[in-house]
């Protein structure tokens, strides 16, 4: 039987004695993402698979457990785009639907923090 990506991640993570949180931190994803992948609850996209594979390769080779520098500009661009969505709500809308608009803007700003890795 062919090993699935979920099986491979679980096996390699266990062999390296990494927790789901540790692998997630190295790969730049949440512990829940690792858990869901390993449980076959989600099919990760290509970028997530590459990040996890890179994280496992780094851990196997003994390299520092940090995100590659190339990820930082991408994360920053995603964060800027999310913040732009928050700013897209016109100020006069705050008067009409203040709680809803403020909640949406707050959610976008929190998503930008997560994209930057500031949630850890």
Protein backbone atom coordinates (compact mmCIF):
# COMPACT_ATOMS: atom_id res chain seq x y z
CA UNK A 1 0.00 0.00 0.00
CA UNK A 2 1.27 3.48 -0.88
CA UNK A 3 2.00 5.82 2.01
CA UNK A 4 -0.22 8.91 1.96
CA UNK A 5 1.09 12.39 2.70
CA UNK A 6 -0.69 12.21 6.07
CA UNK A 7 1.01 8.90 6.91
CA UNK A 8 4.39 10.24 5.81
CA UNK A 9 4.07 13.39 7.93
CA UNK A 10 2.98 11.40 10.99
CA UNK A 11 5.79 8.83 10.53
CA UNK A 12 8.56 11.36 9.90
CA UNK A 13 7.41 13.63 12.74
CA UNK A 14 7.36 10.68 15.13
CA UNK A 15 10.79 9.51 13.98
CA UNK A 16 12.14 12.99 14.72
CA UNK A 17 10.37 13.06 18.08
CA UNK A 18 8.64 16.33 17.18
CA UNK A 19 5.28 17.36 18.56
CA UNK A 20 2.59 18.61 16.21
CA UNK A 21 3.13 22.08 17.67
CA UNK A 22 6.87 21.94 17.03
CA UNK A 23 6.43 20.82 13.43
CA UNK A 24 3.76 23.45 12.89
CA UNK A 25 6.03 26.18 14.24
CA UNK A 26 8.88 25.15 11.94
CA UNK A 27 6.56 24.82 8.93
CA UNK A 28 4.71 28.07 9.63
CA UNK A 29 1.31 26.45 10.20
CA UNK A 30 -0.77 25.80 13.29
CA UNK A 31 -0.74 22.65 15.37
CA UNK A 32 -4.36 22.15 14.30
CA UNK A 33 -3.32 22.12 10.66
CA UNK A 34 -0.77 19.39 11.34
CA UNK A 35 -3.34 17.45 13.39
CA UNK A 36 -5.96 17.70 10.63
CA UNK A 37 -3.48 16.66 7.94
CA UNK A 38 -2.30 13.67 9.94
CA UNK A 39 -5.91 12.64 10.61
CA UNK A 40 -6.71 12.90 6.89
CA UNK A 41 -9.35 15.53 7.64
CA UNK A 42 -7.92 18.01 5.16
CA UNK A 43 -5.89 17.81 1.96
CA UNK A 44 -3.17 20.45 2.23
CA UNK A 45 -2.43 22.75 -0.69
CA UNK A 46 0.93 22.66 -2.47
CA UNK A 47 2.43 25.52 -0.45
CA UNK A 48 1.53 23.85 2.85
CA UNK A 49 2.92 20.50 1.69
CA UNK A 50 6.17 22.18 0.59
CA UNK A 51 6.45 23.98 3.92
CA UNK A 52 5.91 20.80 5.91
CA UNK A 53 8.35 18.82 3.78
CA UNK A 54 10.94 21.58 4.11
CA UNK A 55 10.42 21.68 7.86
CA UNK A 56 10.86 17.91 8.13
CA UNK A 57 13.97 18.00 5.93
CA UNK A 58 15.46 20.77 8.07
CA UNK A 59 14.73 18.83 11.24
CA UNK A 60 16.25 15.66 9.74
CA UNK A 61 19.41 17.49 8.72
CA UNK A 62 19.77 19.30 12.02
CA UNK A 63 19.36 22.75 10.43
CA UNK A 64 17.96 25.54 12.59
CA UNK A 65 14.25 25.18 13.13
CA UNK A 66 13.20 28.42 11.51
CA UNK A 67 11.24 29.38 8.47
CA UNK A 68 13.30 30.01 5.34
CA UNK A 69 13.90 33.69 4.62
CA UNK A 70 11.94 33.43 1.36
CA UNK A 71 8.75 32.85 3.35
CA UNK A 72 8.93 36.18 5.18
CA UNK A 73 8.29 38.43 2.14
CA UNK A 74 5.40 36.19 1.09
CA UNK A 75 3.87 36.33 4.56
CA UNK A 76 4.28 40.11 4.63
CA UNK A 77 2.56 40.45 1.24
CA UNK A 78 -0.35 38.32 2.42
CA UNK A 79 -0.60 40.41 5.58
CA UNK A 80 -0.61 43.65 3.55
CA UNK A 81 -3.40 42.34 1.31
CA UNK A 82 -5.48 41.30 4.32
CA UNK A 83 -4.99 44.71 5.93
CA UNK A 84 -6.07 46.35 2.68
CA UNK A 85 -9.34 44.41 2.94
CA UNK A 86 -9.83 45.79 6.45
CA UNK A 87 -9.20 49.30 5.19
CA UNK A 88 -11.63 48.80 2.30
CA UNK A 89 -14.57 49.40 4.63
CA UNK A 90 -15.48 53.07 4.25
CA UNK A 91 -15.41 55.14 7.42
CA UNK A 92 -19.04 56.20 6.94
CA UNK A 93 -20.03 52.54 7.12
CA UNK A 94 -18.78 52.52 10.69
CA UNK A 95 -21.67 54.80 11.64
CA UNK A 96 -24.30 52.61 9.97
CA UNK A 97 -23.17 49.13 11.01
CA UNK A 98 -20.52 49.88 13.58
CA UNK A 99 -20.40 46.54 15.40
CA UNK A 100 -20.43 44.46 12.23
CA UNK A 101 -17.84 46.61 10.45
CA UNK A 102 -15.58 46.88 13.49
CA UNK A 103 -15.81 43.10 13.93
CA UNK A 104 -14.86 42.49 10.29
CA UNK A 105 -11.98 44.95 10.46
CA UNK A 106 -10.75 43.33 13.67
CA UNK A 107 -10.93 39.87 12.05
CA UNK A 108 -8.92 41.06 9.05
CA UNK A 109 -6.30 42.65 11.30
CA UNK A 110 -6.01 39.44 13.33
CA UNK A 111 -5.63 37.45 10.11
CA UNK A 112 -2.81 39.79 9.09
CA UNK A 113 -1.07 39.16 12.43
CA UNK A 114 -1.39 35.41 11.88
CA UNK A 115 -0.01 35.73 8.34
CA UNK A 116 3.03 37.50 9.80
CA UNK A 117 3.48 34.77 12.38
CA UNK A 118 2.76 37.16 15.25
CA UNK A 119 0.22 34.77 16.76
CA UNK A 120 2.86 32.55 18.32
